[in-house]
Amino acid sequence: MFTIREEVDYTESVEAFKTEETVKLEPWGMSYDHLRLTIKGIPNTPYENGSFMFEVKMGDNYPFEPPYVYCHTLLWHPNIDSSIPPGKINICLDLINPELVGKVDIKTGASGWTPSKTLTNIIEALKGQIHCEPPFFNPGDPLNFEAGEQALHNYSKYENKAKDWTKKYAMN
């Protein structure tokens, strides 16, 4: 059962990204509280030409708690850990971390979820991660520590592995 807020957020996001070829949002089934988000990699990133699929589930306490967001596409990324199984969080992003609701990181200025944030905010942040845009692409605060270390200290090794994984898992 979804609420008006979920339908409004979905409609707002579809409208916000309707002219963007890199973002596709659609219901997972028949409802606005369970969504499939696909973000395409852009040129000059290790994720170029890849299609990365995310599942977004808005829970019973939405918008007072962030939606559950899970990346289903295997990828080599400092802030997304493909080895974490479904049902758990595999994306390092303050905005969707349930432990950071209403909190702000003093050092970075990153903030956790608040009811005033929307699905559009989440999509912008995830797009920033896939498109390697700081502050969303953040190897200094990794979930996948090996990818983070490579991105910081041996970028060419990181980039080669990320490109390989993109070809293997994110291209049709």
N, C-alpha and C. Protein backbone atom coordinates (compact mmCIF):
# COMPACT_ATOMS: atom_id res chain seq x y z
N MET A 1 0.84 -1.18 0.00
CA MET A 1 0.00 0.00 0.00
C MET A 1 0.88 1.25 0.00
N PHE A 2 0.68 2.11 -0.96
CA PHE A 2 1.49 3.31 -1.02
C PHE A 2 0.67 4.53 -0.61
N THR A 3 1.39 5.61 -0.32
CA THR A 3 0.75 6.84 0.10
C THR A 3 0.83 7.87 -1.02
N ILE A 4 0.14 8.98 -0.82
CA ILE A 4 0.17 10.08 -1.77
C ILE A 4 1.61 10.58 -1.94
N ARG A 5 2.37 10.66 -0.84
CA ARG A 5 3.74 11.18 -0.90
C ARG A 5 4.59 10.33 -1.84
N GLU A 6 4.44 9.02 -1.80
CA GLU A 6 5.22 8.14 -2.68
C GLU A 6 4.88 8.41 -4.14
N GLU A 7 3.60 8.56 -4.43
CA GLU A 7 3.18 8.84 -5.80
C GLU A 7 3.69 10.21 -6.25
N VAL A 8 3.63 11.20 -5.38
CA VAL A 8 4.13 12.55 -5.69
C VAL A 8 5.64 12.50 -5.97
N ASP A 9 6.39 11.83 -5.10
CA ASP A 9 7.84 11.72 -5.29
C ASP A 9 8.18 11.01 -6.60
N TYR A 10 7.46 9.94 -6.89
CA TYR A 10 7.69 9.20 -8.14
C TYR A 10 7.42 10.11 -9.35
N THR A 11 6.27 10.77 -9.34
CA THR A 11 5.89 11.64 -10.45
C THR A 11 6.87 12.79 -10.62
N GLU A 12 7.29 13.39 -9.50
CA GLU A 12 8.27 14.48 -9.54
C GLU A 12 9.59 14.00 -10.14
N SER A 13 10.03 12.82 -9.75
CA SER A 13 11.30 12.29 -10.26
C SER A 13 11.22 11.96 -11.74
N VAL A 14 10.14 11.35 -12.17
CA VAL A 14 9.98 11.04 -13.59
C VAL A 14 10.04 12.34 -14.39
N GLU A 15 9.37 13.36 -13.90
CA GLU A 15 9.37 14.67 -14.58
C GLU A 15 10.78 15.28 -14.58
N ALA A 16 11.46 15.22 -13.44
CA ALA A 16 12.79 15.82 -13.32
C ALA A 16 13.81 15.19 -14.26
N PHE A 17 13.67 13.91 -14.55
CA PHE A 17 14.66 13.20 -15.35
C PHE A 17 14.16 12.80 -16.74
N LYS A 18 13.01 13.32 -17.15
CA LYS A 18 12.41 12.87 -18.42
C LYS A 18 13.28 13.16 -19.64
N THR A 19 14.12 14.18 -19.58
CA THR A 19 14.98 14.49 -20.73
C THR A 19 16.40 13.95 -20.56
N GLU A 20 16.65 13.27 -19.47
CA GLU A 20 17.98 12.71 -19.23
C GLU A 20 18.05 11.28 -19.72
N GLU A 21 18.93 11.04 -20.66
CA GLU A 21 19.06 9.71 -21.23
C GLU A 21 19.75 8.73 -20.28
N THR A 22 20.38 9.25 -19.23
CA THR A 22 21.13 8.36 -18.33
C THR A 22 20.29 7.85 -17.16
N VAL A 23 19.05 8.30 -17.04
CA VAL A 23 18.22 7.90 -15.89
C VAL A 23 16.88 7.38 -16.38
N LYS A 24 16.51 6.20 -15.89
CA LYS A 24 15.19 5.64 -16.17
C LYS A 24 14.59 5.16 -14.85
N LEU A 25 13.39 5.60 -14.55
CA LEU A 25 12.69 5.22 -13.32
C LEU A 25 11.34 4.63 -13.70
N GLU A 26 11.03 3.48 -13.11
CA GLU A 26 9.75 2.83 -13.40
C GLU A 26 9.33 1.99 -12.20
N PRO A 27 8.02 1.78 -12.06
CA PRO A 27 7.58 0.88 -10.98
C PRO A 27 8.16 -0.51 -11.17
N TRP A 28 8.53 -1.15 -10.05
CA TRP A 28 9.05 -2.52 -10.10
C TRP A 28 7.92 -3.47 -10.45
N GLY A 29 6.76 -3.18 -9.92
CA GLY A 29 5.58 -3.99 -10.20
C GLY A 29 4.44 -3.05 -10.55
N MET A 30 3.44 -3.02 -9.68
CA MET A 30 2.26 -2.21 -9.95
C MET A 30 2.13 -1.02 -9.01
N SER A 31 3.16 -0.72 -8.22
CA SER A 31 2.99 0.30 -7.21
C SER A 31 4.14 1.29 -7.21
N TYR A 32 3.89 2.47 -6.65
CA TYR A 32 4.89 3.53 -6.59
C TYR A 32 5.84 3.41 -5.41
N ASP A 33 5.65 2.43 -4.55
CA ASP A 33 6.52 2.29 -3.38
C ASP A 33 7.65 1.27 -3.60
N HIS A 34 7.70 0.69 -4.79
CA HIS A 34 8.74 -0.27 -5.14
C HIS A 34 9.14 0.04 -6.58
N LEU A 35 10.37 0.56 -6.76
CA LEU A 35 10.77 1.10 -8.04
C LEU A 35 12.06 0.48 -8.57
N ARG A 36 12.20 0.53 -9.88
CA ARG A 36 13.44 0.14 -10.56
C ARG A 36 14.04 1.41 -11.15
N LEU A 37 15.28 1.67 -10.76
CA LEU A 37 16.02 2.82 -11.26
C LEU A 37 17.21 2.30 -12.04
N THR A 38 17.35 2.76 -13.28
CA THR A 38 18.51 2.39 -14.08
C THR A 38 19.29 3.66 -14.39
N ILE A 39 20.59 3.62 -14.09
CA ILE A 39 21.47 4.74 -14.38
C ILE A 39 22.54 4.25 -15.35
N LYS A 40 22.70 4.97 -16.43
CA LYS A 40 23.71 4.62 -17.44
C LYS A 40 24.99 5.38 -17.17
N GLY A 41 26.11 4.69 -17.35
CA GLY A 41 27.41 5.31 -17.21
C GLY A 41 27.66 6.28 -18.36
N ILE A 42 28.44 7.31 -18.09
CA ILE A 42 28.71 8.34 -19.09
C ILE A 42 30.15 8.23 -19.61
N PRO A 43 30.43 8.85 -20.76
CA PRO A 43 31.79 8.82 -21.31
C PRO A 43 32.82 9.36 -20.32
N ASN A 44 34.03 8.87 -20.47
CA ASN A 44 35.18 9.29 -19.67
C ASN A 44 35.06 8.90 -18.20
N THR A 45 34.29 7.86 -17.92
CA THR A 45 34.26 7.25 -16.59
C THR A 45 34.46 5.74 -16.79
N PRO A 46 34.84 5.04 -15.73
CA PRO A 46 35.00 3.58 -15.86
C PRO A 46 33.68 2.86 -16.11
N TYR A 47 32.56 3.57 -15.95
CA TYR A 47 31.23 2.96 -16.07
C TYR A 47 30.56 3.30 -17.40
N GLU A 48 31.34 3.85 -18.33
CA GLU A 48 30.83 4.26 -19.63
C GLU A 48 30.10 3.11 -20.32
N ASN A 49 28.90 3.42 -20.82
CA ASN A 49 28.02 2.48 -21.56
C ASN A 49 27.43 1.37 -20.70
N GLY A 50 27.68 1.38 -19.40
CA GLY A 50 27.07 0.38 -18.53
C GLY A 50 25.68 0.82 -18.10
N SER A 51 24.84 -0.15 -17.78
CA SER A 51 23.51 0.12 -17.22
C SER A 51 23.48 -0.49 -15.83
N PHE A 52 23.23 0.35 -14.83
CA PHE A 52 23.30 -0.07 -13.43
C PHE A 52 21.91 0.01 -12.82
N MET A 53 21.43 -1.12 -12.34
CA MET A 53 20.06 -1.22 -11.86
C MET A 53 20.00 -1.17 -10.34
N PHE A 54 19.15 -0.28 -9.84
CA PHE A 54 18.92 -0.11 -8.41
C PHE A 54 17.46 -0.41 -8.09
N GLU A 55 17.26 -1.02 -6.95
CA GLU A 55 15.92 -1.26 -6.43
C GLU A 55 15.66 -0.24 -5.32
N VAL A 56 14.51 0.40 -5.37
CA VAL A 56 14.14 1.40 -4.37
C VAL A 56 12.81 0.98 -3.75
N LYS A 57 12.82 0.78 -2.43
CA LYS A 57 11.60 0.39 -1.71
C LYS A 57 11.32 1.42 -0.63
N MET A 58 10.15 2.01 -0.70
CA MET A 58 9.74 2.96 0.32
C MET A 58 8.94 2.21 1.37
N GLY A 59 9.41 2.26 2.59
CA GLY A 59 8.80 1.50 3.67
C GLY A 59 7.58 2.18 4.27
N ASP A 60 7.04 1.54 5.29
CA ASP A 60 5.83 2.04 5.95
C ASP A 60 6.02 3.42 6.58
N ASN A 61 7.25 3.76 6.97
CA ASN A 61 7.51 5.04 7.63
C ASN A 61 8.03 6.12 6.68
N TYR A 62 7.99 5.86 5.37
CA TYR A 62 8.38 6.87 4.40
C TYR A 62 7.36 8.00 4.44
N PRO A 63 7.75 9.24 4.48
CA PRO A 63 9.05 9.83 4.26
C PRO A 63 9.86 10.12 5.54
N PHE A 64 9.45 9.56 6.65
CA PHE A 64 10.17 9.81 7.90
C PHE A 64 11.43 8.97 8.03
N GLU A 65 11.53 7.93 7.20
CA GLU A 65 12.73 7.11 7.08
C GLU A 65 13.07 7.03 5.59
N PRO A 66 14.35 6.91 5.26
CA PRO A 66 14.71 6.85 3.84
C PRO A 66 14.25 5.54 3.22
N PRO A 67 14.10 5.53 1.91
CA PRO A 67 13.81 4.25 1.27
C PRO A 67 15.02 3.32 1.35
N TYR A 68 14.74 2.04 1.23
CA TYR A 68 15.80 1.05 1.09
C TYR A 68 16.22 1.09 -0.37
N VAL A 69 17.52 1.23 -0.61
CA VAL A 69 18.04 1.27 -1.98
C VAL A 69 19.14 0.23 -2.08
N TYR A 70 19.07 -0.60 -3.12
CA TYR A 70 20.04 -1.67 -3.32
C TYR A 70 20.49 -1.68 -4.77
N CYS A 71 21.79 -1.77 -5.00
CA CYS A 71 22.32 -1.87 -6.36
C CYS A 71 22.41 -3.35 -6.73
N HIS A 72 21.68 -3.74 -7.77
CA HIS A 72 21.66 -5.14 -8.21
C HIS A 72 22.76 -5.46 -9.21
N THR A 73 23.29 -4.46 -9.89
CA THR A 73 24.32 -4.69 -10.90
C THR A 73 25.68 -4.81 -10.21
N LEU A 74 26.41 -5.85 -10.55
CA LEU A 74 27.76 -5.99 -10.01
C LEU A 74 28.64 -4.90 -10.61
N LEU A 75 29.36 -4.19 -9.76
CA LEU A 75 30.29 -3.18 -10.23
C LEU A 75 31.41 -2.98 -9.23
N TRP A 76 32.53 -2.50 -9.74
CA TRP A 76 33.70 -2.20 -8.91
C TRP A 76 33.67 -0.72 -8.62
N HIS A 77 33.34 -0.38 -7.38
CA HIS A 77 33.10 1.02 -7.02
C HIS A 77 33.44 1.20 -5.55
N PRO A 78 34.09 2.30 -5.17
CA PRO A 78 34.44 2.51 -3.76
C PRO A 78 33.23 2.61 -2.84
N ASN A 79 32.12 3.14 -3.33
CA ASN A 79 30.97 3.42 -2.47
C ASN A 79 29.81 2.45 -2.65
N ILE A 80 30.01 1.43 -3.47
CA ILE A 80 28.99 0.40 -3.67
C ILE A 80 29.71 -0.94 -3.58
N ASP A 81 29.22 -1.83 -2.73
CA ASP A 81 29.88 -3.12 -2.52
C ASP A 81 28.97 -4.25 -2.99
N SER A 82 29.28 -4.77 -4.16
CA SER A 82 28.48 -5.83 -4.78
C SER A 82 28.50 -7.14 -4.03
N SER A 83 29.42 -7.30 -3.08
CA SER A 83 29.49 -8.56 -2.34
C SER A 83 28.45 -8.63 -1.21
N ILE A 84 27.79 -7.54 -0.91
CA ILE A 84 26.79 -7.51 0.16
C ILE A 84 25.47 -8.02 -0.41
N PRO A 85 24.85 -9.01 0.24
CA PRO A 85 23.64 -9.63 -0.32
C PRO A 85 22.40 -8.74 -0.21
N PRO A 86 21.39 -9.01 -1.05
CA PRO A 86 20.12 -8.27 -0.96
C PRO A 86 19.55 -8.34 0.45
N GLY A 87 18.84 -7.29 0.82
CA GLY A 87 18.27 -7.19 2.16
C GLY A 87 19.14 -6.35 3.08
N LYS A 88 20.40 -6.21 2.72
CA LYS A 88 21.33 -5.37 3.46
C LYS A 88 21.65 -4.15 2.60
N ILE A 89 22.29 -3.16 3.20
CA ILE A 89 22.64 -1.95 2.47
C ILE A 89 23.99 -2.15 1.78
N ASN A 90 24.03 -1.95 0.45
CA ASN A 90 25.29 -2.12 -0.27
C ASN A 90 25.76 -0.83 -0.93
N ILE A 91 25.22 0.30 -0.46
CA ILE A 91 25.59 1.61 -1.00
C ILE A 91 25.97 2.52 0.17
N CYS A 92 27.15 3.12 0.10
CA CYS A 92 27.59 4.07 1.12
C CYS A 92 27.15 5.46 0.68
N LEU A 93 26.05 5.92 1.28
CA LEU A 93 25.49 7.23 0.96
C LEU A 93 24.72 7.70 2.17
N ASP A 94 25.18 8.78 2.79
CA ASP A 94 24.54 9.29 4.01
C ASP A 94 23.04 9.46 3.84
N LEU A 95 22.62 9.91 2.69
CA LEU A 95 21.22 10.22 2.42
C LEU A 95 20.28 9.03 2.64
N ILE A 96 20.75 7.82 2.39
CA ILE A 96 19.88 6.65 2.53
C ILE A 96 20.25 5.77 3.72
N ASN A 97 21.21 6.21 4.52
CA ASN A 97 21.62 5.43 5.70
C ASN A 97 20.62 5.65 6.82
N PRO A 98 19.88 4.60 7.23
CA PRO A 98 18.86 4.78 8.26
C PRO A 98 19.40 5.25 9.61
N GLU A 99 20.70 5.03 9.85
CA GLU A 99 21.31 5.46 11.11
C GLU A 99 21.63 6.96 11.12
N LEU A 100 21.54 7.60 9.97
CA LEU A 100 21.91 9.02 9.88
C LEU A 100 20.72 9.94 9.64
N VAL A 101 19.51 9.45 9.87
CA VAL A 101 18.32 10.28 9.68
C VAL A 101 18.43 11.53 10.55
N GLY A 102 18.28 12.69 9.92
CA GLY A 102 18.31 13.96 10.64
C GLY A 102 19.67 14.43 11.09
N LYS A 103 20.74 13.72 10.73
CA LYS A 103 22.09 14.08 11.18
C LYS A 103 22.89 14.71 10.04
N VAL A 104 23.88 15.52 10.42
CA VAL A 104 24.78 16.15 9.46
C VAL A 104 26.21 15.82 9.86
N ASP A 105 27.03 15.44 8.88
CA ASP A 105 28.45 15.19 9.12
C ASP A 105 29.16 16.54 9.15
N ILE A 106 29.69 16.91 10.31
CA ILE A 106 30.33 18.20 10.50
C ILE A 106 31.51 18.39 9.53
N LYS A 107 32.29 17.32 9.30
CA LYS A 107 33.47 17.43 8.43
C LYS A 107 33.10 17.65 6.97
N THR A 108 32.12 16.90 6.47
CA THR A 108 31.82 16.93 5.04
C THR A 108 30.60 17.78 4.69
N GLY A 109 29.73 18.01 5.67
CA GLY A 109 28.49 18.72 5.40
C GLY A 109 27.42 17.81 4.82
N ALA A 110 27.75 16.53 4.61
CA ALA A 110 26.76 15.58 4.10
C ALA A 110 25.68 15.37 5.14
N SER A 111 24.47 15.24 4.67
CA SER A 111 23.38 15.07 5.63
C SER A 111 22.60 13.81 5.36
N GLY A 112 22.07 13.28 6.43
CA GLY A 112 21.22 12.11 6.33
C GLY A 112 19.83 12.51 5.87
N TRP A 113 18.99 11.53 5.79
CA TRP A 113 17.62 11.71 5.32
C TRP A 113 16.82 12.59 6.27
N THR A 114 15.96 13.42 5.71
CA THR A 114 14.92 14.14 6.44
C THR A 114 13.65 14.05 5.59
N PRO A 115 12.48 14.21 6.19
CA PRO A 115 11.24 14.11 5.40
C PRO A 115 11.13 15.13 4.27
N SER A 116 11.93 16.19 4.32
CA SER A 116 11.88 17.17 3.23
C SER A 116 12.66 16.72 2.00
N LYS A 117 13.47 15.68 2.13
CA LYS A 117 14.21 15.15 0.99
C LYS A 117 13.27 14.25 0.18
N THR A 118 13.65 14.05 -1.06
CA THR A 118 12.76 13.30 -1.96
C THR A 118 13.53 12.24 -2.75
N LEU A 119 12.78 11.49 -3.49
CA LEU A 119 13.35 10.49 -4.38
C LEU A 119 14.29 11.15 -5.40
N THR A 120 13.97 12.34 -5.85
CA THR A 120 14.82 13.06 -6.79
C THR A 120 16.20 13.30 -6.19
N ASN A 121 16.27 13.64 -4.89
CA ASN A 121 17.57 13.83 -4.22
C ASN A 121 18.39 12.54 -4.26
N ILE A 122 17.74 11.42 -4.01
CA ILE A 122 18.42 10.13 -4.01
C ILE A 122 18.94 9.80 -5.40
N ILE A 123 18.11 10.02 -6.42
CA ILE A 123 18.53 9.71 -7.79
C ILE A 123 19.73 10.58 -8.18
N GLU A 124 19.70 11.86 -7.82
CA GLU A 124 20.83 12.75 -8.12
C GLU A 124 22.12 12.23 -7.48
N ALA A 125 22.02 11.77 -6.24
CA ALA A 125 23.20 11.26 -5.53
C ALA A 125 23.71 9.96 -6.15
N LEU A 126 22.83 9.05 -6.47
CA LEU A 126 23.24 7.78 -7.10
C LEU A 126 23.83 8.05 -8.49
N LYS A 127 23.24 8.95 -9.21
CA LYS A 127 23.77 9.33 -10.52
C LYS A 127 25.18 9.90 -10.34
N GLY A 128 25.38 10.71 -9.33
CA GLY A 128 26.71 11.26 -9.04
C GLY A 128 27.72 10.17 -8.74
N GLN A 129 27.29 9.11 -8.04
CA GLN A 129 28.20 8.00 -7.76
C GLN A 129 28.60 7.30 -9.05
N ILE A 130 27.64 6.97 -9.89
CA ILE A 130 27.94 6.25 -11.14
C ILE A 130 28.70 7.14 -12.12
N HIS A 131 28.44 8.44 -12.09
CA HIS A 131 29.12 9.36 -13.00
C HIS A 131 30.42 9.91 -12.42
N CYS A 132 30.83 9.36 -11.26
CA CYS A 132 32.11 9.70 -10.62
C CYS A 132 32.23 11.19 -10.28
N GLU A 133 31.14 11.75 -9.77
CA GLU A 133 31.11 13.16 -9.41
C GLU A 133 31.22 13.32 -7.89
N PRO A 134 32.27 14.03 -7.43
CA PRO A 134 32.33 14.34 -6.00
C PRO A 134 31.16 15.26 -5.64
N PRO A 135 30.64 15.24 -4.46
CA PRO A 135 31.08 14.45 -3.31
C PRO A 135 30.48 13.04 -3.27
N PHE A 136 29.65 12.70 -4.26
CA PHE A 136 28.96 11.40 -4.23
C PHE A 136 29.91 10.25 -4.51
N PHE A 137 30.83 10.44 -5.44
CA PHE A 137 31.90 9.48 -5.67
C PHE A 137 32.99 9.84 -4.66
N ASN A 138 33.16 9.00 -3.65
CA ASN A 138 34.00 9.38 -2.51
C ASN A 138 34.89 8.21 -2.08
N PRO A 139 36.02 7.99 -2.77
CA PRO A 139 36.91 6.89 -2.40
C PRO A 139 37.54 7.06 -1.02
N GLY A 140 37.50 8.26 -0.47
CA GLY A 140 38.06 8.50 0.86
C GLY A 140 37.17 7.97 1.99
N ASP A 141 35.93 7.63 1.68
CA ASP A 141 35.00 7.06 2.65
C ASP A 141 34.32 5.86 2.00
N PRO A 142 35.10 4.79 1.78
CA PRO A 142 34.58 3.68 0.97
C PRO A 142 33.75 2.67 1.77
N LEU A 143 32.89 1.98 1.04
CA LEU A 143 32.24 0.77 1.54
C LEU A 143 33.03 -0.43 1.04
N ASN A 144 33.49 -0.36 -0.20
CA ASN A 144 34.39 -1.36 -0.77
C ASN A 144 35.80 -0.81 -0.59
N PHE A 145 36.47 -1.24 0.48
CA PHE A 145 37.76 -0.67 0.86
C PHE A 145 38.83 -0.88 -0.21
N GLU A 146 38.85 -2.06 -0.84
CA GLU A 146 39.86 -2.33 -1.87
C GLU A 146 39.70 -1.38 -3.05
N ALA A 147 38.45 -1.18 -3.50
CA ALA A 147 38.20 -0.25 -4.61
C ALA A 147 38.55 1.18 -4.20
N GLY A 148 38.25 1.54 -2.96
CA GLY A 148 38.58 2.87 -2.47
C GLY A 148 40.07 3.11 -2.43
N GLU A 149 40.83 2.12 -1.93
CA GLU A 149 42.29 2.25 -1.88
C GLU A 149 42.87 2.36 -3.29
N GLN A 150 42.35 1.54 -4.21
CA GLN A 150 42.83 1.62 -5.60
C GLN A 150 42.52 2.98 -6.20
N ALA A 151 41.30 3.48 -6.00
CA ALA A 151 40.90 4.77 -6.59
C ALA A 151 41.77 5.90 -6.05
N LEU A 152 42.17 5.81 -4.79
CA LEU A 152 43.00 6.85 -4.18
C LEU A 152 44.48 6.72 -4.53
N HIS A 153 44.99 5.49 -4.56
CA HIS A 153 46.44 5.30 -4.64
C HIS A 153 46.96 4.68 -5.93
N ASN A 154 46.07 4.07 -6.72
CA ASN A 154 46.48 3.47 -7.98
C ASN A 154 45.29 3.54 -8.93
N TYR A 155 44.96 4.77 -9.36
CA TYR A 155 43.73 4.99 -10.11
C TYR A 155 43.65 4.15 -11.38
N SER A 156 44.76 3.97 -12.07
CA SER A 156 44.71 3.20 -13.31
C SER A 156 44.31 1.74 -13.05
N LYS A 157 44.78 1.16 -11.95
CA LYS A 157 44.39 -0.21 -11.59
C LYS A 157 42.89 -0.26 -11.27
N TYR A 158 42.42 0.72 -10.49
CA TYR A 158 40.98 0.81 -10.17
C TYR A 158 40.17 0.96 -11.45
N GLU A 159 40.59 1.90 -12.30
CA GLU A 159 39.85 2.19 -13.52
C GLU A 159 39.76 0.95 -14.43
N ASN A 160 40.87 0.22 -14.57
CA ASN A 160 40.88 -0.98 -15.41
C ASN A 160 39.92 -2.04 -14.88
N LYS A 161 39.94 -2.26 -13.55
CA LYS A 161 39.04 -3.27 -12.98
C LYS A 161 37.58 -2.82 -13.10
N ALA A 162 37.32 -1.52 -12.85
CA ALA A 162 35.95 -1.01 -12.97
C ALA A 162 35.45 -1.13 -14.41
N LYS A 163 36.31 -0.86 -15.39
CA LYS A 163 35.92 -1.00 -16.80
C LYS A 163 35.65 -2.47 -17.14
N ASP A 164 36.51 -3.36 -16.64
CA ASP A 164 36.31 -4.80 -16.89
C ASP A 164 34.97 -5.26 -16.33
N TRP A 165 34.69 -4.88 -15.08
CA TRP A 165 33.43 -5.28 -14.45
C TRP A 165 32.23 -4.67 -15.20
N THR A 166 32.39 -3.44 -15.64
CA THR A 166 31.30 -2.80 -16.39
C THR A 166 31.01 -3.59 -17.66
N LYS A 167 32.04 -3.96 -18.39
CA LYS A 167 31.85 -4.75 -19.61
C LYS A 167 31.22 -6.10 -19.30
N LYS A 168 31.68 -6.72 -18.23
CA LYS A 168 31.23 -8.07 -17.90
C LYS A 168 29.81 -8.10 -17.34
N TYR A 169 29.45 -7.13 -16.49
CA TYR A 169 28.19 -7.23 -15.75
C TYR A 169 27.14 -6.17 -16.10
N ALA A 170 27.54 -5.07 -16.77
CA ALA A 170 26.60 -3.96 -16.92
C ALA A 170 26.27 -3.62 -18.38
N MET A 171 26.75 -4.44 -19.29
CA MET A 171 26.43 -4.20 -20.70
C MET A 171 25.64 -5.36 -21.24
N ASN A 172 24.62 -5.02 -22.03
CA ASN A 172 23.76 -6.08 -22.58
C ASN A 172 24.42 -6.80 -23.72
